[in-house]
């Protein structure tokens, strides 16, 4: 889990300087996002998960929500014996960056496009843990 959080923070820095990801909340002075840790199902692949994620982004954009992003984040495990990182082949993290803006499109969820990417997610992964996180605004500033 620690490696997933580190990956999320590194990813957030890629969006630095992009103020469209900022949103207001009394509980979060940064960017509300959803972090999911999933396990690959028997036939699941990273490529299949990325396809689901891309279709997820496309669905939101086609429904007028342009200020969020789905990101697939490989989970790494540290191997002390070799002093190296190895990709975890059984699990993966996904980040729904700026998830709160999706409220405007909630009534349209469940259409054909929606069901297509949900099916792809289910064919590739099973969510083990899902949590809302508040990514600090400082990760998105250019300072």
N, C-alpha and C. Protein backbone atom coordinates (compact mmCIF):
# COMPACT_ATOMS: atom_id res chain seq x y z
N UNK A 1 0.83 -1.19 0.00
CA UNK A 1 0.00 0.00 0.00
C UNK A 1 0.87 1.25 0.00
N UNK A 2 1.97 1.22 0.76
CA UNK A 2 2.86 2.37 0.81
C UNK A 2 3.39 2.71 -0.57
N UNK A 3 3.76 1.69 -1.34
CA UNK A 3 4.28 1.94 -2.69
C UNK A 3 3.21 2.53 -3.59
N UNK A 4 1.94 2.17 -3.39
CA UNK A 4 0.86 2.74 -4.18
C UNK A 4 0.70 4.22 -3.88
N UNK A 5 0.79 4.59 -2.62
CA UNK A 5 0.66 6.00 -2.25
C UNK A 5 1.81 6.82 -2.83
N UNK A 6 3.01 6.28 -2.78
CA UNK A 6 4.16 6.97 -3.37
C UNK A 6 3.94 7.15 -4.86
N UNK A 7 3.43 6.13 -5.53
CA UNK A 7 3.14 6.24 -6.96
C UNK A 7 2.10 7.32 -7.24
N UNK A 8 1.09 7.41 -6.40
CA UNK A 8 0.05 8.43 -6.57
C UNK A 8 0.64 9.81 -6.44
N UNK A 9 1.49 10.00 -5.45
CA UNK A 9 2.09 11.32 -5.27
C UNK A 9 2.99 11.69 -6.44
N UNK A 10 3.73 10.72 -6.96
CA UNK A 10 4.57 10.99 -8.13
C UNK A 10 3.71 11.33 -9.33
N UNK A 11 2.61 10.62 -9.50
CA UNK A 11 1.71 10.89 -10.60
C UNK A 11 1.11 12.29 -10.50
N UNK A 12 0.72 12.66 -9.29
CA UNK A 12 0.11 13.98 -9.10
C UNK A 12 1.06 15.09 -9.52
N UNK A 13 2.34 14.89 -9.32
CA UNK A 13 3.30 15.92 -9.70
C UNK A 13 3.32 16.14 -11.21
N UNK A 14 2.89 15.14 -11.98
CA UNK A 14 2.82 15.30 -13.44
C UNK A 14 1.78 16.34 -13.84
N UNK A 15 0.78 16.54 -12.98
CA UNK A 15 -0.28 17.48 -13.28
C UNK A 15 0.00 18.86 -12.68
N UNK A 16 1.20 19.08 -12.16
CA UNK A 16 1.51 20.34 -11.51
C UNK A 16 1.33 21.50 -12.48
N UNK A 17 0.82 22.58 -11.94
CA UNK A 17 0.57 23.76 -12.75
C UNK A 17 -0.75 23.73 -13.48
N UNK A 18 -1.53 22.66 -13.36
CA UNK A 18 -2.80 22.53 -14.05
C UNK A 18 -3.93 22.78 -13.05
N UNK A 19 -4.42 24.01 -13.01
CA UNK A 19 -5.40 24.40 -12.00
C UNK A 19 -6.78 23.82 -12.25
N UNK A 20 -7.06 23.23 -13.41
CA UNK A 20 -8.39 22.67 -13.65
C UNK A 20 -8.67 21.51 -12.72
N UNK A 21 -7.64 20.94 -12.10
CA UNK A 21 -7.86 19.82 -11.21
C UNK A 21 -8.20 20.27 -9.79
N UNK A 22 -8.16 21.57 -9.52
CA UNK A 22 -8.50 22.07 -8.19
C UNK A 22 -10.01 22.09 -8.01
N UNK A 23 -10.46 21.84 -6.81
CA UNK A 23 -11.88 21.90 -6.51
C UNK A 23 -12.04 22.29 -5.05
N UNK A 24 -13.22 22.77 -4.70
CA UNK A 24 -13.46 23.22 -3.35
C UNK A 24 -14.17 22.16 -2.53
N UNK A 25 -13.76 22.05 -1.28
CA UNK A 25 -14.42 21.17 -0.33
C UNK A 25 -14.00 21.61 1.06
N UNK A 26 -14.90 21.55 2.00
CA UNK A 26 -14.55 21.93 3.37
C UNK A 26 -13.60 20.91 4.00
N UNK A 27 -13.56 19.71 3.47
CA UNK A 27 -12.71 18.66 4.02
C UNK A 27 -11.39 18.49 3.27
N UNK A 28 -11.26 19.12 2.13
CA UNK A 28 -10.07 18.92 1.30
C UNK A 28 -9.66 20.24 0.67
N UNK A 29 -8.44 20.65 0.93
CA UNK A 29 -7.94 21.88 0.32
C UNK A 29 -7.12 21.59 -0.92
N UNK A 30 -7.34 20.42 -1.50
CA UNK A 30 -6.61 20.02 -2.70
C UNK A 30 -7.55 19.42 -3.72
N UNK A 31 -7.18 18.27 -4.22
CA UNK A 31 -7.94 17.61 -5.28
C UNK A 31 -8.49 16.28 -4.77
N UNK A 32 -9.82 16.19 -4.73
CA UNK A 32 -10.46 14.96 -4.28
C UNK A 32 -10.35 13.93 -5.40
N UNK A 33 -9.86 12.76 -5.05
CA UNK A 33 -9.66 11.70 -6.03
C UNK A 33 -10.02 10.36 -5.40
N UNK A 34 -10.18 9.35 -6.24
CA UNK A 34 -10.47 8.00 -5.75
C UNK A 34 -9.28 7.11 -6.09
N UNK A 35 -8.72 6.50 -5.06
CA UNK A 35 -7.63 5.55 -5.22
C UNK A 35 -8.20 4.15 -5.02
N UNK A 36 -8.00 3.31 -6.02
CA UNK A 36 -8.47 1.92 -5.93
C UNK A 36 -7.27 0.99 -6.05
N UNK A 37 -7.23 0.00 -5.17
CA UNK A 37 -6.24 -1.06 -5.27
C UNK A 37 -7.02 -2.29 -5.74
N UNK A 38 -6.58 -2.87 -6.84
CA UNK A 38 -7.30 -4.00 -7.44
C UNK A 38 -6.36 -5.17 -7.64
N UNK A 39 -6.96 -6.34 -7.70
CA UNK A 39 -6.23 -7.56 -8.04
C UNK A 39 -6.62 -7.97 -9.45
N UNK A 40 -5.64 -8.39 -10.21
CA UNK A 40 -5.95 -8.89 -11.54
C UNK A 40 -6.72 -10.20 -11.42
N UNK A 41 -7.76 -10.36 -12.23
CA UNK A 41 -8.45 -11.64 -12.30
C UNK A 41 -7.61 -12.56 -13.17
N UNK A 42 -7.99 -13.83 -13.22
CA UNK A 42 -7.17 -14.86 -13.89
C UNK A 42 -6.74 -14.45 -15.30
N UNK A 43 -7.64 -13.91 -16.10
CA UNK A 43 -7.31 -13.54 -17.49
C UNK A 43 -7.03 -12.05 -17.65
N UNK A 44 -6.97 -11.31 -16.55
CA UNK A 44 -6.80 -9.86 -16.61
C UNK A 44 -5.39 -9.45 -16.99
N UNK A 45 -5.29 -8.31 -17.68
CA UNK A 45 -4.00 -7.77 -18.09
C UNK A 45 -3.97 -6.26 -17.86
N UNK A 46 -2.76 -5.73 -17.79
CA UNK A 46 -2.60 -4.28 -17.67
C UNK A 46 -3.14 -3.59 -18.93
N UNK A 47 -2.93 -4.19 -20.09
CA UNK A 47 -3.42 -3.61 -21.34
C UNK A 47 -4.95 -3.51 -21.32
N UNK A 48 -5.61 -4.57 -20.84
CA UNK A 48 -7.07 -4.55 -20.74
C UNK A 48 -7.56 -3.50 -19.77
N UNK A 49 -6.85 -3.36 -18.65
CA UNK A 49 -7.21 -2.35 -17.67
C UNK A 49 -7.02 -0.94 -18.24
N UNK A 50 -5.93 -0.74 -18.97
CA UNK A 50 -5.70 0.58 -19.58
C UNK A 50 -6.78 0.89 -20.62
N UNK A 51 -7.23 -0.12 -21.36
CA UNK A 51 -8.31 0.09 -22.33
C UNK A 51 -9.59 0.52 -21.60
N UNK A 52 -9.90 -0.14 -20.49
CA UNK A 52 -11.07 0.23 -19.69
C UNK A 52 -10.94 1.66 -19.19
N UNK A 53 -9.76 2.02 -18.72
CA UNK A 53 -9.50 3.36 -18.20
C UNK A 53 -9.67 4.42 -19.29
N UNK A 54 -9.17 4.13 -20.50
CA UNK A 54 -9.31 5.06 -21.62
C UNK A 54 -10.78 5.24 -22.01
N UNK A 55 -11.53 4.15 -22.01
CA UNK A 55 -12.96 4.23 -22.33
C UNK A 55 -13.72 4.96 -21.23
N UNK A 56 -13.27 4.81 -19.99
CA UNK A 56 -13.85 5.52 -18.86
C UNK A 56 -13.66 7.03 -19.06
N UNK A 57 -12.43 7.45 -19.40
CA UNK A 57 -12.16 8.87 -19.69
C UNK A 57 -13.04 9.36 -20.84
N UNK A 58 -13.13 8.57 -21.89
CA UNK A 58 -13.92 8.96 -23.07
C UNK A 58 -15.39 9.14 -22.69
N UNK A 59 -15.91 8.26 -21.83
CA UNK A 59 -17.31 8.38 -21.41
C UNK A 59 -17.53 9.71 -20.71
N UNK A 60 -16.66 10.04 -19.75
CA UNK A 60 -16.82 11.31 -19.04
C UNK A 60 -16.74 12.50 -20.00
N UNK A 61 -15.75 12.49 -20.89
CA UNK A 61 -15.62 13.60 -21.84
C UNK A 61 -16.85 13.72 -22.72
N UNK A 62 -17.41 12.59 -23.17
CA UNK A 62 -18.59 12.63 -24.04
C UNK A 62 -19.84 13.10 -23.28
N UNK A 63 -19.76 13.10 -21.96
CA UNK A 63 -20.87 13.57 -21.14
C UNK A 63 -20.56 14.91 -20.47
N UNK A 64 -19.60 15.65 -21.05
CA UNK A 64 -19.32 17.02 -20.63
C UNK A 64 -18.41 17.17 -19.42
N UNK A 65 -17.82 16.09 -18.93
CA UNK A 65 -16.93 16.17 -17.78
C UNK A 65 -15.50 16.05 -18.30
N UNK A 66 -14.80 17.16 -18.34
CA UNK A 66 -13.47 17.18 -18.96
C UNK A 66 -12.34 17.40 -17.96
N UNK A 67 -12.66 17.57 -16.70
CA UNK A 67 -11.63 17.92 -15.72
C UNK A 67 -11.28 16.78 -14.79
N UNK A 68 -11.38 15.55 -15.27
CA UNK A 68 -10.90 14.43 -14.47
C UNK A 68 -10.16 13.45 -15.35
N UNK A 69 -9.51 12.50 -14.72
CA UNK A 69 -8.65 11.57 -15.46
C UNK A 69 -8.57 10.26 -14.71
N UNK A 70 -8.61 9.16 -15.45
CA UNK A 70 -8.41 7.82 -14.92
C UNK A 70 -6.96 7.42 -15.23
N UNK A 71 -6.25 6.96 -14.23
CA UNK A 71 -4.85 6.61 -14.43
C UNK A 71 -4.57 5.23 -13.84
N UNK A 72 -3.88 4.40 -14.62
CA UNK A 72 -3.45 3.08 -14.16
C UNK A 72 -2.04 3.23 -13.60
N UNK A 73 -1.83 2.75 -12.36
CA UNK A 73 -0.56 2.91 -11.68
C UNK A 73 -0.03 1.54 -11.27
N UNK A 74 1.03 1.08 -11.90
CA UNK A 74 1.61 -0.21 -11.48
C UNK A 74 2.07 -0.13 -10.02
N UNK A 75 1.92 -1.22 -9.30
CA UNK A 75 2.39 -1.30 -7.93
C UNK A 75 3.74 -2.01 -7.96
N UNK A 76 4.68 -1.47 -7.22
CA UNK A 76 6.02 -2.03 -7.16
C UNK A 76 6.26 -2.64 -5.78
N UNK A 77 7.04 -3.68 -5.75
CA UNK A 77 7.47 -4.31 -4.51
C UNK A 77 8.98 -4.18 -4.44
N UNK A 78 9.48 -3.87 -3.26
CA UNK A 78 10.92 -3.76 -3.06
C UNK A 78 11.49 -5.12 -2.67
N UNK A 79 12.54 -5.54 -3.36
CA UNK A 79 13.22 -6.79 -3.07
C UNK A 79 14.53 -6.45 -2.38
N UNK A 80 14.62 -6.76 -1.08
CA UNK A 80 15.83 -6.43 -0.31
C UNK A 80 17.05 -7.21 -0.80
N UNK A 81 16.85 -8.46 -1.18
CA UNK A 81 17.98 -9.29 -1.61
C UNK A 81 18.68 -8.71 -2.83
N UNK A 82 17.92 -8.21 -3.78
CA UNK A 82 18.52 -7.67 -4.99
C UNK A 82 18.60 -6.14 -4.96
N UNK A 83 18.08 -5.53 -3.89
CA UNK A 83 18.05 -4.08 -3.76
C UNK A 83 17.44 -3.44 -5.01
N UNK A 84 16.28 -3.99 -5.40
CA UNK A 84 15.63 -3.49 -6.61
C UNK A 84 14.11 -3.54 -6.45
N UNK A 85 13.44 -2.88 -7.35
CA UNK A 85 11.99 -2.90 -7.36
C UNK A 85 11.50 -3.87 -8.42
N UNK A 86 10.44 -4.59 -8.09
CA UNK A 86 9.82 -5.52 -9.02
C UNK A 86 8.35 -5.14 -9.15
N UNK A 87 7.85 -5.24 -10.36
CA UNK A 87 6.44 -4.95 -10.59
C UNK A 87 5.59 -6.05 -9.97
N UNK A 88 4.55 -5.64 -9.24
CA UNK A 88 3.62 -6.60 -8.64
C UNK A 88 2.71 -7.09 -9.76
N UNK A 89 2.81 -8.36 -10.11
CA UNK A 89 2.02 -8.89 -11.23
C UNK A 89 0.59 -9.25 -10.84
N UNK A 90 0.29 -9.20 -9.55
CA UNK A 90 -1.03 -9.59 -9.11
C UNK A 90 -1.97 -8.45 -8.77
N UNK A 91 -1.41 -7.26 -8.56
CA UNK A 91 -2.25 -6.14 -8.18
C UNK A 91 -1.82 -4.86 -8.87
N UNK A 92 -2.72 -3.88 -8.84
CA UNK A 92 -2.52 -2.63 -9.55
C UNK A 92 -3.33 -1.55 -8.85
N UNK A 93 -2.91 -0.32 -8.99
CA UNK A 93 -3.68 0.81 -8.45
C UNK A 93 -4.26 1.60 -9.61
N UNK A 94 -5.41 2.19 -9.38
CA UNK A 94 -5.96 3.15 -10.33
C UNK A 94 -6.32 4.40 -9.56
N UNK A 95 -6.19 5.52 -10.22
CA UNK A 95 -6.51 6.81 -9.60
C UNK A 95 -7.51 7.52 -10.48
N UNK A 96 -8.64 7.87 -9.90
CA UNK A 96 -9.65 8.68 -10.58
C UNK A 96 -9.42 10.10 -10.07
N UNK A 97 -8.58 10.82 -10.80
CA UNK A 97 -8.15 12.16 -10.41
C UNK A 97 -9.28 13.15 -10.60
N UNK A 98 -9.54 13.93 -9.56
CA UNK A 98 -10.60 14.95 -9.57
C UNK A 98 -11.97 14.31 -9.74
N UNK A 99 -12.22 13.27 -8.98
CA UNK A 99 -13.44 12.47 -9.13
C UNK A 99 -14.71 13.22 -8.82
N UNK A 100 -14.66 14.24 -8.01
CA UNK A 100 -15.89 14.93 -7.59
C UNK A 100 -16.60 15.64 -8.75
N UNK A 101 -15.89 15.96 -9.82
CA UNK A 101 -16.56 16.64 -10.94
C UNK A 101 -17.51 15.70 -11.68
N UNK A 102 -17.45 14.42 -11.40
CA UNK A 102 -18.31 13.48 -12.09
C UNK A 102 -19.77 13.58 -11.65
N UNK A 103 -20.06 14.32 -10.60
CA UNK A 103 -21.43 14.44 -10.09
C UNK A 103 -22.38 14.88 -11.19
N UNK A 104 -21.95 15.77 -12.06
CA UNK A 104 -22.81 16.29 -13.13
C UNK A 104 -23.26 15.20 -14.10
N UNK A 105 -22.51 14.13 -14.21
CA UNK A 105 -22.83 13.08 -15.17
C UNK A 105 -23.47 11.85 -14.53
N UNK A 106 -23.64 11.84 -13.23
CA UNK A 106 -24.14 10.65 -12.53
C UNK A 106 -25.47 10.13 -13.08
N UNK A 107 -26.38 11.03 -13.45
CA UNK A 107 -27.69 10.60 -13.94
C UNK A 107 -27.60 9.82 -15.24
N UNK A 108 -26.50 9.97 -15.98
CA UNK A 108 -26.36 9.31 -17.27
C UNK A 108 -25.56 8.01 -17.17
N UNK A 109 -25.09 7.66 -15.99
CA UNK A 109 -24.34 6.42 -15.83
C UNK A 109 -25.26 5.24 -16.11
N UNK A 110 -24.69 4.20 -16.68
CA UNK A 110 -25.46 3.00 -16.98
C UNK A 110 -25.86 2.89 -18.44
N UNK A 111 -25.44 3.85 -19.26
CA UNK A 111 -25.75 3.75 -20.69
C UNK A 111 -24.81 2.73 -21.34
N UNK A 112 -24.95 2.52 -22.64
CA UNK A 112 -24.16 1.50 -23.35
C UNK A 112 -22.66 1.73 -23.21
N UNK A 113 -22.19 2.99 -23.39
CA UNK A 113 -20.76 3.29 -23.26
C UNK A 113 -20.26 3.01 -21.84
N UNK A 114 -21.07 3.36 -20.86
CA UNK A 114 -20.71 3.12 -19.46
C UNK A 114 -20.53 1.62 -19.21
N UNK A 115 -21.52 0.86 -19.62
CA UNK A 115 -21.48 -0.59 -19.39
C UNK A 115 -20.31 -1.25 -20.10
N UNK A 116 -19.88 -0.69 -21.24
CA UNK A 116 -18.76 -1.25 -21.98
C UNK A 116 -17.46 -1.17 -21.16
N UNK A 117 -17.17 -0.01 -20.57
CA UNK A 117 -15.92 0.07 -19.80
C UNK A 117 -16.03 -0.65 -18.46
N UNK A 118 -17.21 -0.70 -17.87
CA UNK A 118 -17.39 -1.46 -16.63
C UNK A 118 -17.10 -2.94 -16.89
N UNK A 119 -17.59 -3.45 -18.03
CA UNK A 119 -17.33 -4.84 -18.41
C UNK A 119 -15.83 -5.08 -18.56
N UNK A 120 -15.14 -4.14 -19.21
CA UNK A 120 -13.69 -4.28 -19.37
C UNK A 120 -12.97 -4.28 -18.03
N UNK A 121 -13.38 -3.39 -17.13
CA UNK A 121 -12.77 -3.40 -15.79
C UNK A 121 -12.96 -4.77 -15.14
N UNK A 122 -14.19 -5.28 -15.18
CA UNK A 122 -14.50 -6.56 -14.53
C UNK A 122 -13.79 -7.74 -15.19
N UNK A 123 -13.50 -7.65 -16.47
CA UNK A 123 -12.78 -8.72 -17.16
C UNK A 123 -11.30 -8.74 -16.81
N UNK A 124 -10.81 -7.66 -16.20
CA UNK A 124 -9.39 -7.54 -15.93
C UNK A 124 -9.02 -7.46 -14.45
N UNK A 125 -9.89 -6.87 -13.64
CA UNK A 125 -9.55 -6.68 -12.24
C UNK A 125 -10.76 -6.84 -11.33
N UNK A 126 -10.46 -7.01 -10.05
CA UNK A 126 -11.47 -6.98 -9.01
C UNK A 126 -10.97 -6.00 -7.95
N UNK A 127 -11.78 -5.00 -7.63
CA UNK A 127 -11.37 -3.98 -6.67
C UNK A 127 -11.29 -4.60 -5.28
N UNK A 128 -10.12 -4.45 -4.65
CA UNK A 128 -9.90 -4.95 -3.29
C UNK A 128 -10.14 -3.86 -2.26
N UNK A 129 -9.79 -2.63 -2.62
CA UNK A 129 -9.93 -1.51 -1.70
C UNK A 129 -10.15 -0.23 -2.50
N UNK A 130 -11.04 0.60 -2.02
CA UNK A 130 -11.36 1.86 -2.69
C UNK A 130 -11.46 2.94 -1.62
N UNK A 131 -10.80 4.07 -1.88
CA UNK A 131 -10.84 5.14 -0.89
C UNK A 131 -10.77 6.50 -1.57
N UNK A 132 -11.45 7.47 -0.97
CA UNK A 132 -11.31 8.85 -1.42
C UNK A 132 -10.06 9.40 -0.76
N UNK A 133 -9.27 10.13 -1.53
CA UNK A 133 -8.07 10.76 -1.01
C UNK A 133 -8.09 12.24 -1.37
N UNK A 134 -7.41 13.03 -0.57
CA UNK A 134 -7.28 14.46 -0.83
C UNK A 134 -5.83 14.71 -1.20
N UNK A 135 -5.58 14.91 -2.48
CA UNK A 135 -4.23 15.19 -2.94
C UNK A 135 -3.94 16.67 -2.68
N UNK A 136 -2.88 16.98 -1.94
CA UNK A 136 -2.61 18.38 -1.58
C UNK A 136 -2.44 19.26 -2.82
N UNK A 137 -2.99 20.45 -2.73
CA UNK A 137 -2.88 21.42 -3.83
C UNK A 137 -1.43 21.68 -4.21
N UNK A 138 -0.51 21.58 -3.24
CA UNK A 138 0.89 21.85 -3.52
C UNK A 138 1.45 20.89 -4.57
N UNK A 139 0.86 19.72 -4.72
CA UNK A 139 1.32 18.79 -5.76
C UNK A 139 1.02 19.31 -7.16
N UNK A 140 0.09 20.23 -7.26
CA UNK A 140 -0.35 20.72 -8.56
C UNK A 140 0.16 22.13 -8.86
N UNK A 141 0.98 22.67 -7.98
CA UNK A 141 1.54 24.00 -8.23
C UNK A 141 2.90 23.84 -8.88
N UNK A 142 3.33 24.87 -9.58
CA UNK A 142 4.60 24.79 -10.29
C UNK A 142 5.79 25.23 -9.43
N UNK A 143 5.55 25.43 -8.16
CA UNK A 143 6.64 25.88 -7.27
C UNK A 143 7.45 24.73 -6.76
